[in-house]
Amino acid sequence: MTAARRRRGDAPRGRFIVVTGLSGAGKSQAIRALEDLGYFCVDNLPTQLIPTLATLSKRGSADLPKVALVIDVREGSFLRDFPRVWKRLKATPGLDPLLIFLEATHDTLVRRFSETRRPHPLAHGRSVVEGLEAERQQMQKIRELADEIVDTTHLTVHQLRERFLGFSEARSPRQKLLVTLLSFGFKHGLPVDADLVFDVRFLSNPHFVQRLRPQTGRDPAVIKFLERQPLTGEFLERLRDLLLFLVPQYVREGKSYLTIAIGCTGGRHRSVMVAEALKLSVSTVAGVRVQVRHRDVE
């Protein structure tokens, strides 16, 4: 949503949220998080009734100040009718709905179904794996409609709530962009939700120093080891300059959150140190709040 459009008095983005996605990706946790944030939540509303609920939401009454609904393949007409319904919602003046699609890696979804021992809604007597594969294929067109795609593979319930807080807050001069500096290890996979990714595997690896191996990039000995390398200082200086240029552009564009991923081999030493070193500089940018997460440090 452009700044010009917001100035015309349209409804704040995030007042009407639709959450969908793959089975097992965390939609139940998402709706609980939205309830905690003050939303009137509806689970699995029939697709044809979504415009009616949107109309009530648009009126902005005290009873329905903010509305969120979860809908997925459990609703029989969803796959067939939702794209048309969503197009209608997007064209409704003053509504500005937000579609959030939740997903996770295949292995994660299989494990979650195994833990809960629930059947997959598309399995129909087949295995969970076959149900998941069918669902991912059938949901692709709806995924392409999404305003935000959230990979919940590595998110805790608290982190998911923080993410929805960023989605739900109306963009205004006083709202701050949530910048997440995320360290990770390439051997554990790229963070799917990263907006920017930087590779620091060119720095000497403390993992190969016996006394440093059990420590992390937050420990003074590891920090000192990396700071002694001339490349570390030069890289941090250049990266700070780049981020101090880029982050204000995202603030101006109106993003709710920005994830900057810093990767090394295992996600314990170099990426952790660099992410921590960037926090103070990024925090100086007007209109942002910064958090640091270490995905693979343990």
C-alpha atoms as a PDB file:
ATOM      1  CA  MET A   1       0.000   0.000   0.000  1.00  0.00           C
ATOM      2  CA  THR A   2       1.507   3.287  -1.056  1.00  0.00           C
ATOM      3  CA  ALA A   3       1.839   6.336   1.164  1.00  0.00           C
ATOM      4  CA  ALA A   4      -0.444   8.294  -1.161  1.00  0.00           C
ATOM      5  CA  ARG A   5      -3.150   5.682  -0.783  1.00  0.00           C
ATOM      6  CA  ARG A   6      -2.871   5.728   3.010  1.00  0.00           C
ATOM      7  CA  ARG A   7      -3.256   9.505   3.045  1.00  0.00           C
ATOM      8  CA  ARG A   8      -6.619   9.201   1.319  1.00  0.00           C
ATOM      9  CA  GLY A   9      -8.008   7.674   4.496  1.00  0.00           C
ATOM     10  CA  ASP A  10      -8.187   4.008   3.597  1.00  0.00           C
ATOM     11  CA  ALA A  11      -8.541   1.522   6.421  1.00  0.00           C
ATOM     12  CA  PRO A  12      -5.286   0.584   8.142  1.00  0.00           C
ATOM     13  CA  ARG A  13      -3.741  -2.499   6.673  1.00  0.00           C
ATOM     14  CA  GLY A  14      -4.162  -5.411   9.007  1.00  0.00           C
ATOM     15  CA  ARG A  15      -7.731  -4.646  10.154  1.00  0.00           C
ATOM     16  CA  PHE A  16      -9.035  -7.564   8.056  1.00  0.00           C
ATOM     17  CA  ILE A  17      -6.659 -10.535   7.925  1.00  0.00           C
ATOM     18  CA  VAL A  18      -7.118 -13.882   6.201  1.00  0.00           C
ATOM     19  CA  VAL A  19      -4.760 -16.652   7.303  1.00  0.00           C
ATOM     20  CA  THR A  20      -4.368 -19.746   5.173  1.00  0.00           C
ATOM     21  CA  GLY A  21      -1.638 -22.201   4.291  1.00  0.00           C
ATOM     22  CA  LEU A  22      -0.590 -25.805   4.586  1.00  0.00           C
ATOM     23  CA  SER A  23      -2.058 -28.187   7.125  1.00  0.00           C
ATOM     24  CA  GLY A  24       0.252 -28.421  10.128  1.00  0.00           C
ATOM     25  CA  ALA A  25       1.959 -25.090   9.388  1.00  0.00           C
ATOM     26  CA  GLY A  26       0.648 -23.403  12.551  1.00  0.00           C
ATOM     27  CA  LYS A  27      -2.719 -21.868  11.698  1.00  0.00           C
ATOM     28  CA  SER A  28      -4.159 -22.812  15.101  1.00  0.00           C
ATOM     29  CA  GLN A  29      -1.301 -21.005  16.851  1.00  0.00           C
ATOM     30  CA  ALA A  30      -1.750 -18.078  14.466  1.00  0.00           C
ATOM     31  CA  ILE A  31      -5.415 -17.585  15.307  1.00  0.00           C
ATOM     32  CA  ARG A  32      -4.628 -17.748  19.041  1.00  0.00           C
ATOM     33  CA  ALA A  33      -1.950 -15.098  18.546  1.00  0.00           C
ATOM     34  CA  LEU A  34      -4.411 -12.870  16.693  1.00  0.00           C
ATOM     35  CA  GLU A  35      -6.996 -13.311  19.448  1.00  0.00           C
ATOM     36  CA  ASP A  36      -4.359 -12.164  21.943  1.00  0.00           C
ATOM     37  CA  LEU A  37      -3.851  -9.081  19.761  1.00  0.00           C
ATOM     38  CA  GLY A  38      -7.514  -8.139  20.004  1.00  0.00           C
ATOM     39  CA  TYR A  39      -8.897  -9.650  16.795  1.00  0.00           C
ATOM     40  CA  PHE A  40     -12.346 -11.129  16.406  1.00  0.00           C
ATOM     41  CA  CYS A  41     -11.341 -14.521  14.977  1.00  0.00           C
ATOM     42  CA  VAL A  42     -13.301 -17.029  12.918  1.00  0.00           C
ATOM     43  CA  ASP A  43     -11.972 -20.479  12.097  1.00  0.00           C
ATOM     44  CA  ASN A  44     -12.892 -22.110   8.775  1.00  0.00           C
ATOM     45  CA  LEU A  45     -15.674 -19.754   7.722  1.00  0.00           C
ATOM     46  CA  PRO A  46     -17.388 -20.912   4.494  1.00  0.00           C
ATOM     47  CA  THR A  47     -15.735 -19.133   1.590  1.00  0.00           C
ATOM     48  CA  GLN A  48     -18.973 -17.621   0.320  1.00  0.00           C
ATOM     49  CA  LEU A  49     -19.520 -15.850   3.673  1.00  0.00           C
ATOM     50  CA  ILE A  50     -16.153 -14.066   3.673  1.00  0.00           C
ATOM     51  CA  PRO A  51     -17.471 -10.950   1.837  1.00  0.00           C
ATOM     52  CA  THR A  52     -20.279 -10.640   4.409  1.00  0.00           C
ATOM     53  CA  LEU A  53     -17.791 -10.686   7.269  1.00  0.00           C
ATOM     54  CA  ALA A  54     -15.602  -8.200   5.391  1.00  0.00           C
ATOM     55  CA  THR A  55     -18.552  -5.821   5.014  1.00  0.00           C
ATOM     56  CA  LEU A  56     -19.195  -5.935   8.753  1.00  0.00           C
ATOM     57  CA  SER A  57     -15.512  -5.336   9.417  1.00  0.00           C
ATOM     58  CA  LYS A  58     -15.400  -2.380   7.050  1.00  0.00           C
ATOM     59  CA  ARG A  59     -18.037  -0.593   9.105  1.00  0.00           C
ATOM     60  CA  GLY A  60     -15.484  -0.449  11.930  1.00  0.00           C
ATOM     61  CA  SER A  61     -17.995  -1.003  14.711  1.00  0.00           C
ATOM     62  CA  ALA A  62     -16.942  -1.370  18.324  1.00  0.00           C
ATOM     63  CA  ASP A  63     -17.928  -5.045  18.165  1.00  0.00           C
ATOM     64  CA  LEU A  64     -15.728  -5.765  15.130  1.00  0.00           C
ATOM     65  CA  PRO A  65     -12.798  -3.331  15.183  1.00  0.00           C
ATOM     66  CA  LYS A  66     -10.405  -5.944  13.791  1.00  0.00           C
ATOM     67  CA  VAL A  67     -11.247  -9.248  12.144  1.00  0.00           C
ATOM     68  CA  ALA A  68      -9.151 -12.299  11.291  1.00  0.00           C
ATOM     69  CA  LEU A  69     -10.211 -15.590   9.814  1.00  0.00           C
ATOM     70  CA  VAL A  70      -8.481 -18.874   9.162  1.00  0.00           C
ATOM     71  CA  ILE A  71      -9.575 -20.847   6.130  1.00  0.00           C
ATOM     72  CA  ASP A  72      -8.001 -23.781   4.339  1.00  0.00           C
ATOM     73  CA  VAL A  73      -8.667 -27.017   2.469  1.00  0.00           C
ATOM     74  CA  ARG A  74     -10.998 -28.261   5.213  1.00  0.00           C
ATOM     75  CA  GLU A  75     -13.644 -25.932   3.739  1.00  0.00           C
ATOM     76  CA  GLY A  76     -15.031 -27.745   0.710  1.00  0.00           C
ATOM     77  CA  SER A  77     -15.314 -24.835  -1.744  1.00  0.00           C
ATOM     78  CA  PHE A  78     -12.128 -23.052  -0.669  1.00  0.00           C
ATOM     79  CA  LEU A  79      -9.803 -24.134  -3.473  1.00  0.00           C
ATOM     80  CA  ARG A  80     -12.420 -23.448  -6.136  1.00  0.00           C
ATOM     81  CA  ASP A  81     -13.956 -20.200  -4.902  1.00  0.00           C
ATOM     82  CA  PHE A  82     -11.333 -18.364  -2.848  1.00  0.00           C
ATOM     83  CA  PRO A  83      -9.328 -16.745  -5.704  1.00  0.00           C
ATOM     84  CA  ARG A  84     -12.506 -15.083  -7.012  1.00  0.00           C
ATOM     85  CA  VAL A  85     -13.613 -14.024  -3.519  1.00  0.00           C
ATOM     86  CA  TRP A  86     -10.165 -12.638  -2.709  1.00  0.00           C
ATOM     87  CA  LYS A  87     -10.122 -10.593  -5.931  1.00  0.00           C
ATOM     88  CA  ARG A  88     -13.436  -9.086  -4.859  1.00  0.00           C
ATOM     89  CA  LEU A  89     -12.099  -8.251  -1.398  1.00  0.00           C
ATOM     90  CA  LYS A  90      -8.982  -6.593  -2.821  1.00  0.00           C
ATOM     91  CA  ALA A  91     -11.190  -4.389  -4.998  1.00  0.00           C
ATOM     92  CA  THR A  92     -13.365  -3.283  -2.065  1.00  0.00           C
ATOM     93  CA  PRO A  93     -12.631   0.400  -1.281  1.00  0.00           C
ATOM     94  CA  GLY A  94     -11.471   1.068   2.254  1.00  0.00           C
ATOM     95  CA  LEU A  95     -10.949  -2.577   3.204  1.00  0.00           C
ATOM     96  CA  ASP A  96      -7.314  -3.249   2.241  1.00  0.00           C
ATOM     97  CA  PRO A  97      -7.312  -6.929   3.354  1.00  0.00           C
ATOM     98  CA  LEU A  98      -4.165  -8.854   4.146  1.00  0.00           C
ATOM     99  CA  LEU A  99      -3.640 -12.487   3.079  1.00  0.00           C
ATOM    100  CA  ILE A 100      -1.039 -14.450   5.052  1.00  0.00           C
ATOM    101  CA  PHE A 101       0.097 -17.891   3.899  1.00  0.00           C
ATOM    102  CA  LEU A 102       1.737 -20.228   6.418  1.00  0.00           C
ATOM    103  CA  GLU A 103       4.034 -23.030   5.322  1.00  0.00           C
ATOM    104  CA  ALA A 104       6.854 -25.215   6.625  1.00  0.00           C
ATOM    105  CA  THR A 105       9.304 -27.724   5.229  1.00  0.00           C
ATOM    106  CA  HIS A 106       7.979 -31.113   4.172  1.00  0.00           C
ATOM    107  CA  ASP A 107       9.884 -32.962   6.916  1.00  0.00           C
ATOM    108  CA  THR A 108       8.574 -30.570   9.566  1.00  0.00           C
ATOM    109  CA  LEU A 109       4.956 -31.042   8.477  1.00  0.00           C
ATOM    110  CA  VAL A 110       5.314 -34.826   8.425  1.00  0.00           C
ATOM    111  CA  ARG A 111       6.803 -34.748  11.924  1.00  0.00           C
ATOM    112  CA  ARG A 112       4.011 -32.529  13.257  1.00  0.00           C
ATOM    113  CA  PHE A 113       1.337 -34.865  11.871  1.00  0.00           C
ATOM    114  CA  SER A 114       3.188 -37.815  13.359  1.00  0.00           C
ATOM    115  CA  GLU A 115       3.239 -36.149  16.769  1.00  0.00           C
ATOM    116  CA  THR A 116      -0.477 -35.279  16.738  1.00  0.00           C
ATOM    117  CA  ARG A 117      -1.537 -38.519  14.967  1.00  0.00           C
ATOM    118  CA  ARG A 118      -4.219 -36.619  13.085  1.00  0.00           C
ATOM    119  CA  PRO A 119      -5.180 -37.576   9.517  1.00  0.00           C
ATOM    120  CA  HIS A 120      -4.403 -35.147   6.732  1.00  0.00           C
ATOM    121  CA  PRO A 121      -7.612 -33.577   5.315  1.00  0.00           C
ATOM    122  CA  LEU A 122      -6.628 -34.475   1.736  1.00  0.00           C
ATOM    123  CA  ALA A 123      -5.290 -37.952   2.466  1.00  0.00           C
ATOM    124  CA  HIS A 124      -8.629 -39.745   1.947  1.00  0.00           C
ATOM    125  CA  GLY A 125      -7.254 -43.095   3.058  1.00  0.00           C
ATOM    126  CA  ARG A 126      -3.758 -42.405   1.748  1.00  0.00           C
ATOM    127  CA  SER A 127      -0.639 -41.589   3.741  1.00  0.00           C
ATOM    128  CA  VAL A 128       0.055 -38.223   5.337  1.00  0.00           C
ATOM    129  CA  VAL A 129       2.942 -37.736   2.904  1.00  0.00           C
ATOM    130  CA  GLU A 130       0.630 -38.142  -0.083  1.00  0.00           C
ATOM    131  CA  GLY A 131      -1.895 -35.760   1.470  1.00  0.00           C
ATOM    132  CA  LEU A 132       0.768 -33.118   2.068  1.00  0.00           C
ATOM    133  CA  GLU A 133       2.095 -33.408  -1.470  1.00  0.00           C
ATOM    134  CA  ALA A 134      -1.398 -33.019  -2.921  1.00  0.00           C
ATOM    135  CA  GLU A 135      -2.148 -30.040  -0.696  1.00  0.00           C
ATOM    136  CA  ARG A 136       1.074 -28.208  -1.525  1.00  0.00           C
ATOM    137  CA  GLN A 137       0.358 -28.598  -5.230  1.00  0.00           C
ATOM    138  CA  GLN A 138      -3.281 -27.518  -4.984  1.00  0.00           C
ATOM    139  CA  MET A 139      -2.499 -24.544  -2.732  1.00  0.00           C
ATOM    140  CA  GLN A 140       0.139 -23.098  -5.046  1.00  0.00           C
ATOM    141  CA  LYS A 141      -2.259 -20.709  -6.810  1.00  0.00           C
ATOM    142  CA  ILE A 142      -3.518 -19.368  -3.486  1.00  0.00           C
ATOM    143  CA  ARG A 143       0.051 -19.055  -2.219  1.00  0.00           C
ATOM    144  CA  GLU A 144       0.766 -16.800  -5.199  1.00  0.00           C
ATOM    145  CA  LEU A 145      -2.025 -14.458  -4.073  1.00  0.00           C
ATOM    146  CA  ALA A 146      -0.552 -13.993  -0.577  1.00  0.00           C
ATOM    147  CA  ASP A 147       0.686 -10.624   0.649  1.00  0.00           C
ATOM    148  CA  GLU A 148       2.945 -12.317   3.200  1.00  0.00           C
ATOM    149  CA  ILE A 149       4.394 -15.849   3.268  1.00  0.00           C
ATOM    150  CA  VAL A 150       5.602 -17.106   6.651  1.00  0.00           C
ATOM    151  CA  ASP A 151       7.748 -20.195   7.030  1.00  0.00           C
ATOM    152  CA  THR A 152       7.039 -21.545  10.529  1.00  0.00           C
ATOM    153  CA  THR A 153       9.655 -24.319  10.455  1.00  0.00           C
ATOM    154  CA  HIS A 154      11.894 -22.630  13.024  1.00  0.00           C
ATOM    155  CA  LEU A 155       9.428 -20.233  14.681  1.00  0.00           C
ATOM    156  CA  THR A 156       8.377 -20.615  18.293  1.00  0.00           C
ATOM    157  CA  VAL A 157       4.869 -19.630  19.364  1.00  0.00           C
ATOM    158  CA  HIS A 158       6.262 -16.364  20.760  1.00  0.00           C
ATOM    159  CA  GLN A 159       8.089 -15.550  17.535  1.00  0.00           C
ATOM    160  CA  LEU A 160       4.950 -16.261  15.523  1.00  0.00           C
ATOM    161  CA  ARG A 161       3.015 -13.870  17.753  1.00  0.00           C
ATOM    162  CA  GLU A 162       5.668 -11.193  17.206  1.00  0.00           C
ATOM    163  CA  ARG A 163       5.387 -11.695  13.468  1.00  0.00           C
ATOM    164  CA  PHE A 164       1.625 -11.234  13.548  1.00  0.00           C
ATOM    165  CA  LEU A 165       2.030  -8.154  15.691  1.00  0.00           C
ATOM    166  CA  GLY A 166       4.083  -6.655  12.878  1.00  0.00           C
ATOM    167  CA  PHE A 167       1.409  -7.585  10.324  1.00  0.00           C
ATOM    168  CA  SER A 168      -1.504  -6.284  12.331  1.00  0.00           C
ATOM    169  CA  GLU A 169      -0.278  -2.850  13.350  1.00  0.00           C
ATOM    170  CA  ALA A 170      -1.431  -0.054  11.088  1.00  0.00           C
ATOM    171  CA  ARG A 171       1.380   1.714   9.291  1.00  0.00           C
ATOM    172  CA  SER A 172       1.724   5.227  10.688  1.00  0.00           C
ATOM    173  CA  PRO A 173       4.553   7.712  11.306  1.00  0.00           C
ATOM    174  CA  ARG A 174       4.812   6.391  14.865  1.00  0.00           C
ATOM    175  CA  GLN A 175       4.918   2.693  14.055  1.00  0.00           C
ATOM    176  CA  LYS A 176       8.377   1.206  13.830  1.00  0.00           C
ATOM    177  CA  LEU A 177       9.627  -1.313  11.311  1.00  0.00           C
ATOM    178  CA  LEU A 178      10.657  -4.535  13.054  1.00  0.00           C
ATOM    179  CA  VAL A 179      14.151  -5.475  11.828  1.00  0.00           C
ATOM    180  CA  THR A 180      15.271  -8.998  12.701  1.00  0.00           C
ATOM    181  CA  LEU A 181      18.982  -9.781  12.495  1.00  0.00           C
ATOM    182  CA  LEU A 182      18.917 -13.542  12.082  1.00  0.00           C
ATOM    183  CA  SER A 183      22.036 -15.710  12.327  1.00  0.00           C
ATOM    184  CA  PHE A 184      21.878 -19.170  10.770  1.00  0.00           C
ATOM    185  CA  GLY A 185      23.985 -22.047   9.506  1.00  0.00           C
ATOM    186  CA  PHE A 186      23.982 -22.887   5.804  1.00  0.00           C
ATOM    187  CA  LYS A 187      24.249 -26.592   6.598  1.00  0.00           C
ATOM    188  CA  HIS A 188      20.836 -26.355   8.281  1.00  0.00           C
ATOM    189  CA  GLY A 189      19.228 -24.625   5.295  1.00  0.00           C
ATOM    190  CA  LEU A 190      18.491 -21.082   4.213  1.00  0.00           C
ATOM    191  CA  PRO A 191      15.825 -19.154   6.169  1.00  0.00           C
ATOM    192  CA  VAL A 192      12.908 -19.059   3.750  1.00  0.00           C
ATOM    193  CA  ASP A 193      11.522 -15.847   5.238  1.00  0.00           C
ATOM    194  CA  ALA A 194      14.760 -13.835   4.857  1.00  0.00           C
ATOM    195  CA  ASP A 195      14.563 -10.567   2.915  1.00  0.00           C
ATOM    196  CA  LEU A 196      18.339 -10.093   2.724  1.00  0.00           C
ATOM    197  CA  VAL A 197      20.996 -12.813   3.075  1.00  0.00           C
ATOM    198  CA  PHE A 198      24.710 -12.262   3.715  1.00  0.00           C
ATOM    199  CA  ASP A 199      27.320 -15.027   3.689  1.00  0.00           C
ATOM    200  CA  VAL A 200      30.206 -14.688   6.190  1.00  0.00           C
ATOM    201  CA  ARG A 201      31.867 -18.039   5.531  1.00  0.00           C
ATOM    202  CA  PHE A 202      34.901 -16.217   4.109  1.00  0.00           C
ATOM    203  CA  LEU A 203      35.946 -15.290   7.664  1.00  0.00           C
ATOM    204  CA  SER A 204      38.260 -17.685   9.523  1.00  0.00           C
ATOM    205  CA  ASN A 205      36.186 -20.258  11.368  1.00  0.00           C
ATOM    206  CA  PRO A 206      36.549 -20.400  15.188  1.00  0.00           C
ATOM    207  CA  HIS A 207      35.167 -23.942  14.998  1.00  0.00           C
ATOM    208  CA  PHE A 208      38.643 -25.145  14.061  1.00  0.00           C
ATOM    209  CA  VAL A 209      40.187 -23.633  17.201  1.00  0.00           C
ATOM    210  CA  GLN A 210      39.731 -26.299  19.870  1.00  0.00           C
ATOM    211  CA  ARG A 211      39.212 -23.953  22.818  1.00  0.00           C
ATOM    212  CA  LEU A 212      36.674 -21.864  20.868  1.00  0.00           C
ATOM    213  CA  ARG A 213      34.629 -24.704  19.388  1.00  0.00           C
ATOM    214  CA  PRO A 214      32.209 -25.110  22.341  1.00  0.00           C
ATOM    215  CA  GLN A 215      31.678 -21.336  22.580  1.00  0.00           C
ATOM    216  CA  THR A 216      29.456 -19.112  20.431  1.00  0.00           C
ATOM    217  CA  GLY A 217      29.731 -15.776  18.693  1.00  0.00           C
ATOM    218  CA  ARG A 218      28.443 -14.079  21.831  1.00  0.00           C
ATOM    219  CA  ASP A 219      31.451 -15.144  23.895  1.00  0.00           C
ATOM    220  CA  PRO A 220      34.317 -12.617  24.315  1.00  0.00           C
ATOM    221  CA  ALA A 221      37.029 -15.058  23.200  1.00  0.00           C
ATOM    222  CA  VAL A 222      35.249 -15.744  19.895  1.00  0.00           C
ATOM    223  CA  ILE A 223      34.558 -12.047  19.354  1.00  0.00           C
ATOM    224  CA  LYS A 224      38.220 -11.203  19.978  1.00  0.00           C
ATOM    225  CA  PHE A 225      39.336 -13.991  17.596  1.00  0.00           C
ATOM    226  CA  LEU A 226      37.179 -12.599  14.793  1.00  0.00           C
ATOM    227  CA  GLU A 227      37.995  -8.953  15.486  1.00  0.00           C
ATOM    228  CA  ARG A 228      41.710  -9.713  15.064  1.00  0.00           C
ATOM    229  CA  GLN A 229      41.036 -10.573  11.429  1.00  0.00           C
ATOM    230  CA  PRO A 230      41.412  -7.480   9.198  1.00  0.00           C
ATOM    231  CA  LEU A 231      38.605  -8.732   6.957  1.00  0.00           C
ATOM    232  CA  THR A 232      36.105  -8.688   9.825  1.00  0.00           C
ATOM    233  CA  GLY A 233      36.406  -4.974  10.482  1.00  0.00           C
ATOM    234  CA  GLU A 234      36.329  -4.044   6.803  1.00  0.00           C
ATOM    235  CA  PHE A 235      33.332  -6.263   6.125  1.00  0.00           C
ATOM    236  CA  LEU A 236      31.370  -4.904   9.098  1.00  0.00           C
ATOM    237  CA  GLU A 237      32.080  -1.330   8.054  1.00  0.00           C
ATOM    238  CA  ARG A 238      30.918  -1.941   4.483  1.00  0.00           C
ATOM    239  CA  LEU A 239      27.852  -3.916   5.580  1.00  0.00           C
ATOM    240  CA  ARG A 240      26.857  -1.245   8.092  1.00  0.00           C
ATOM    241  CA  ASP A 241      27.041   1.384   5.359  1.00  0.00           C
ATOM    242  CA  LEU A 242      24.876  -0.756   3.086  1.00  0.00           C
ATOM    243  CA  LEU A 243      22.248  -1.405   5.761  1.00  0.00           C
ATOM    244  CA  LEU A 244      22.177   2.242   6.837  1.00  0.00           C
ATOM    245  CA  PHE A 245      21.279   3.009   3.232  1.00  0.00           C
ATOM    246  CA  LEU A 246      18.821   0.140   2.686  1.00  0.00           C
ATOM    247  CA  VAL A 247      16.823   0.007   5.920  1.00  0.00           C
ATOM    248  CA  PRO A 248      15.439   3.575   5.636  1.00  0.00           C
ATOM    249  CA  GLN A 249      14.156   2.655   2.165  1.00  0.00           C
ATOM    250  CA  TYR A 250      12.131  -0.196   3.684  1.00  0.00           C
ATOM    251  CA  VAL A 251      10.805   2.167   6.352  1.00  0.00           C
ATOM    252  CA  ARG A 252       9.712   4.601   3.658  1.00  0.00           C
ATOM    253  CA  GLU A 253       8.155   1.801   1.595  1.00  0.00           C
ATOM    254  CA  GLY A 254       5.979   0.843   4.567  1.00  0.00           C
ATOM    255  CA  LYS A 255       7.131  -2.693   5.374  1.00  0.00           C
ATOM    256  CA  SER A 256       6.023  -4.088   8.708  1.00  0.00           C
ATOM    257  CA  TYR A 257       9.109  -6.224   9.205  1.00  0.00           C
ATOM    258  CA  LEU A 258      12.488  -6.906   7.604  1.00  0.00           C
ATOM    259  CA  THR A 259      14.574 -10.039   8.170  1.00  0.00           C
ATOM    260  CA  ILE A 260      18.324  -9.712   7.557  1.00  0.00           C
ATOM    261  CA  ALA A 261      19.917 -13.159   7.612  1.00  0.00           C
ATOM    262  CA  ILE A 262      23.632 -13.640   8.316  1.00  0.00           C
ATOM    263  CA  GLY A 263      24.916 -17.113   7.519  1.00  0.00           C
ATOM    264  CA  CYS A 264      28.027 -19.145   8.280  1.00  0.00           C
ATOM    265  CA  THR A 265      28.579 -22.886   8.106  1.00  0.00           C
ATOM    266  CA  GLY A 266      27.033 -24.023  11.385  1.00  0.00           C
ATOM    267  CA  GLY A 267      25.373 -20.856  12.671  1.00  0.00           C
ATOM    268  CA  ARG A 268      27.255 -20.781  15.989  1.00  0.00           C
ATOM    269  CA  HIS A 269      30.260 -18.457  15.659  1.00  0.00           C
ATOM    270  CA  ARG A 270      30.782 -16.059  12.758  1.00  0.00           C
ATOM    271  CA  SER A 271      27.155 -15.341  11.869  1.00  0.00           C
ATOM    272  CA  VAL A 272      26.251 -14.870  15.535  1.00  0.00           C
ATOM    273  CA  MET A 273      29.097 -12.409  16.120  1.00  0.00           C
ATOM    274  CA  VAL A 274      28.251 -10.382  13.002  1.00  0.00           C
ATOM    275  CA  ALA A 275      24.526 -10.232  13.788  1.00  0.00           C
ATOM    276  CA  GLU A 276      25.257  -8.971  17.299  1.00  0.00           C
ATOM    277  CA  ALA A 277      27.789  -6.444  15.961  1.00  0.00           C
ATOM    278  CA  LEU A 278      25.209  -4.961  13.570  1.00  0.00           C
ATOM    279  CA  LYS A 279      22.483  -4.436  16.155  1.00  0.00           C
ATOM    280  CA  LEU A 280      23.666  -1.092  17.522  1.00  0.00           C
ATOM    281  CA  SER A 281      24.182   0.462  14.087  1.00  0.00           C
ATOM    282  CA  VAL A 282      20.816  -0.645  12.691  1.00  0.00           C
ATOM    283  CA  SER A 283      19.114   0.598  15.874  1.00  0.00           C
ATOM    284  CA  THR A 284      20.187   4.140  15.016  1.00  0.00           C
ATOM    285  CA  VAL A 285      17.927   4.209  11.955  1.00  0.00           C
ATOM    286  CA  ALA A 286      14.830   6.302  12.575  1.00  0.00           C
ATOM    287  CA  GLY A 287      11.557   4.396  12.627  1.00  0.00           C
ATOM    288  CA  VAL A 288      12.882   0.912  13.411  1.00  0.00           C
ATOM    289  CA  ARG A 289      13.055  -1.482  16.327  1.00  0.00           C
ATOM    290  CA  VAL A 290      15.633  -4.252  16.203  1.00  0.00           C
ATOM    291  CA  GLN A 291      15.723  -7.792  17.519  1.00  0.00           C
ATOM    292  CA  VAL A 292      18.476 -10.406  17.167  1.00  0.00           C
ATOM    293  CA  ARG A 293      17.662 -14.088  16.729  1.00  0.00           C
ATOM    294  CA  HIS A 294      20.146 -16.957  16.542  1.00  0.00           C
ATOM    295  CA  ARG A 295      18.391 -19.823  14.768  1.00  0.00           C
ATOM    296  CA  ASP A 296      21.078 -22.491  14.970  1.00  0.00           C
ATOM    297  CA  VAL A 297      23.277 -21.467  17.877  1.00  0.00           C
ATOM    298  CA  GLU A 298      22.197 -24.496  19.927  1.00  0.00           C
END
